[in-house]
Amino acid sequence: MATVSFRMDDALKKQADELFNDLGMNLTTAFTIFVKQAVREQGIPFEISREVPNSETLEAIREVEEMKKNPSFGKSYTDIDKMMEEMLS
């Protein structure tokens, strides 16, 4: 048996532990299943793609681009407290 160790964000590990425990296995078993499937398929056993922004995010990106081109578009602030006050009210 070989020992493999790797680093993972604490929050992600906790989420993975909870998920795999609900599925009746531990993290080691889950990774072993992943690696066996990868070897069997000779590749990653699922599609890997970039996260595509949703329509709301795309609209926000377009809005920022417009604000860069035309500084009078939108509202600007010189006082962070006033900005936060307006945002939260």
C-alpha atoms as a PDB file:
ATOM      1  CA  MET A   1       0.000   0.000   0.000  1.00  0.00           C
ATOM      2  CA  ALA A   2       1.260   3.467  -0.892  1.00  0.00           C
ATOM      3  CA  THR A   3       0.569   6.552   1.190  1.00  0.00           C
ATOM      4  CA  VAL A   4      -0.475   9.686  -0.673  1.00  0.00           C
ATOM      5  CA  SER A   5      -0.873  13.041   1.030  1.00  0.00           C
ATOM      6  CA  PHE A   6      -2.061  16.365  -0.311  1.00  0.00           C
ATOM      7  CA  ARG A   7      -3.240  19.740   0.927  1.00  0.00           C
ATOM      8  CA  MET A   8      -6.820  20.918   0.748  1.00  0.00           C
ATOM      9  CA  ASP A   9      -8.715  23.933   2.027  1.00  0.00           C
ATOM     10  CA  ASP A  10     -10.179  23.154   5.477  1.00  0.00           C
ATOM     11  CA  ALA A  11     -13.716  24.163   4.505  1.00  0.00           C
ATOM     12  CA  LEU A  12     -13.619  22.039   1.345  1.00  0.00           C
ATOM     13  CA  LYS A  13     -12.335  19.027   3.312  1.00  0.00           C
ATOM     14  CA  LYS A  14     -15.146  19.407   5.832  1.00  0.00           C
ATOM     15  CA  GLN A  15     -17.743  19.541   3.047  1.00  0.00           C
ATOM     16  CA  ALA A  16     -16.195  16.511   1.353  1.00  0.00           C
ATOM     17  CA  ASP A  17     -16.068  14.559   4.635  1.00  0.00           C
ATOM     18  CA  GLU A  18     -19.757  15.284   5.244  1.00  0.00           C
ATOM     19  CA  LEU A  19     -20.732  14.296   1.709  1.00  0.00           C
ATOM     20  CA  PHE A  20     -18.735  11.087   1.618  1.00  0.00           C
ATOM     21  CA  ASN A  21     -19.838  10.098   5.126  1.00  0.00           C
ATOM     22  CA  ASP A  22     -23.449  10.478   3.950  1.00  0.00           C
ATOM     23  CA  LEU A  23     -22.547   8.194   1.045  1.00  0.00           C
ATOM     24  CA  GLY A  24     -21.110   5.614   3.461  1.00  0.00           C
ATOM     25  CA  MET A  25     -17.414   6.139   2.790  1.00  0.00           C
ATOM     26  CA  ASN A  26     -14.470   8.199   3.897  1.00  0.00           C
ATOM     27  CA  LEU A  27     -12.294  10.579   1.912  1.00  0.00           C
ATOM     28  CA  THR A  28      -9.680   7.900   1.210  1.00  0.00           C
ATOM     29  CA  THR A  29     -12.290   5.570  -0.298  1.00  0.00           C
ATOM     30  CA  ALA A  30     -13.759   8.389  -2.391  1.00  0.00           C
ATOM     31  CA  PHE A  31     -10.357   9.297  -3.823  1.00  0.00           C
ATOM     32  CA  THR A  32      -9.550   5.655  -4.483  1.00  0.00           C
ATOM     33  CA  ILE A  33     -12.811   5.350  -6.441  1.00  0.00           C
ATOM     34  CA  PHE A  34     -11.912   8.507  -8.388  1.00  0.00           C
ATOM     35  CA  VAL A  35      -8.428   7.246  -9.263  1.00  0.00           C
ATOM     36  CA  LYS A  36      -9.689   3.771 -10.282  1.00  0.00           C
ATOM     37  CA  GLN A  37     -12.266   5.362 -12.568  1.00  0.00           C
ATOM     38  CA  ALA A  38      -9.659   7.725 -14.043  1.00  0.00           C
ATOM     39  CA  VAL A  39      -7.335   4.797 -14.770  1.00  0.00           C
ATOM     40  CA  ARG A  40     -10.197   2.791 -16.271  1.00  0.00           C
ATOM     41  CA  GLU A  41     -11.214   5.693 -18.551  1.00  0.00           C
ATOM     42  CA  GLN A  42      -7.622   6.864 -19.150  1.00  0.00           C
ATOM     43  CA  GLY A  43      -8.613  10.414 -18.240  1.00  0.00           C
ATOM     44  CA  ILE A  44     -10.526  12.512 -15.760  1.00  0.00           C
ATOM     45  CA  PRO A  45     -13.875  10.722 -15.325  1.00  0.00           C
ATOM     46  CA  PHE A  46     -15.956  13.876 -15.673  1.00  0.00           C
ATOM     47  CA  GLU A  47     -15.989  16.987 -17.842  1.00  0.00           C
ATOM     48  CA  ILE A  48     -13.751  19.819 -16.717  1.00  0.00           C
ATOM     49  CA  SER A  49     -14.659  23.249 -17.996  1.00  0.00           C
ATOM     50  CA  ARG A  50     -14.311  26.861 -17.050  1.00  0.00           C
ATOM     51  CA  GLU A  51     -17.107  28.349 -15.014  1.00  0.00           C
ATOM     52  CA  VAL A  52     -19.321  30.336 -17.340  1.00  0.00           C
ATOM     53  CA  PRO A  53     -20.757  33.497 -15.785  1.00  0.00           C
ATOM     54  CA  ASN A  54     -24.541  33.630 -15.526  1.00  0.00           C
ATOM     55  CA  SER A  55     -26.574  36.379 -17.214  1.00  0.00           C
ATOM     56  CA  GLU A  56     -26.602  38.586 -14.096  1.00  0.00           C
ATOM     57  CA  THR A  57     -22.798  38.473 -13.844  1.00  0.00           C
ATOM     58  CA  LEU A  58     -22.419  39.142 -17.576  1.00  0.00           C
ATOM     59  CA  GLU A  59     -24.689  42.185 -17.253  1.00  0.00           C
ATOM     60  CA  ALA A  60     -22.623  43.466 -14.294  1.00  0.00           C
ATOM     61  CA  ILE A  61     -19.437  43.043 -16.355  1.00  0.00           C
ATOM     62  CA  ARG A  62     -20.997  44.982 -19.243  1.00  0.00           C
ATOM     63  CA  GLU A  63     -22.099  47.705 -16.831  1.00  0.00           C
ATOM     64  CA  VAL A  64     -18.572  48.083 -15.427  1.00  0.00           C
ATOM     65  CA  GLU A  65     -17.124  48.241 -18.938  1.00  0.00           C
ATOM     66  CA  GLU A  66     -19.622  50.996 -19.799  1.00  0.00           C
ATOM     67  CA  MET A  67     -18.722  52.877 -16.612  1.00  0.00           C
ATOM     68  CA  LYS A  68     -15.032  52.720 -17.569  1.00  0.00           C
ATOM     69  CA  LYS A  69     -15.812  54.203 -20.999  1.00  0.00           C
ATOM     70  CA  ASN A  70     -18.216  56.804 -19.662  1.00  0.00           C
ATOM     71  CA  PRO A  71     -17.488  57.887 -16.060  1.00  0.00           C
ATOM     72  CA  SER A  72     -20.772  59.845 -15.906  1.00  0.00           C
ATOM     73  CA  PHE A  73     -22.646  56.535 -16.246  1.00  0.00           C
ATOM     74  CA  GLY A  74     -23.552  55.357 -12.756  1.00  0.00           C
ATOM     75  CA  LYS A  75     -22.811  56.972  -9.432  1.00  0.00           C
ATOM     76  CA  SER A  76     -19.417  57.626  -7.900  1.00  0.00           C
ATOM     77  CA  TYR A  77     -18.456  58.261  -4.298  1.00  0.00           C
ATOM     78  CA  THR A  78     -15.657  60.034  -2.482  1.00  0.00           C
ATOM     79  CA  ASP A  79     -16.832  58.840   0.948  1.00  0.00           C
ATOM     80  CA  ILE A  80     -16.929  55.101   1.629  1.00  0.00           C
ATOM     81  CA  ASP A  81     -19.285  55.542   4.583  1.00  0.00           C
ATOM     82  CA  LYS A  82     -21.849  57.338   2.428  1.00  0.00           C
ATOM     83  CA  MET A  83     -21.546  54.676  -0.236  1.00  0.00           C
ATOM     84  CA  MET A  84     -22.125  51.884   2.297  1.00  0.00           C
ATOM     85  CA  GLU A  85     -25.036  53.786   3.848  1.00  0.00           C
ATOM     86  CA  GLU A  86     -26.756  54.092   0.466  1.00  0.00           C
ATOM     87  CA  MET A  87     -26.048  50.497  -0.451  1.00  0.00           C
ATOM     88  CA  LEU A  88     -27.477  49.166   2.799  1.00  0.00           C
ATOM     89  CA  SER A  89     -30.580  51.335   2.876  1.00  0.00           C
END
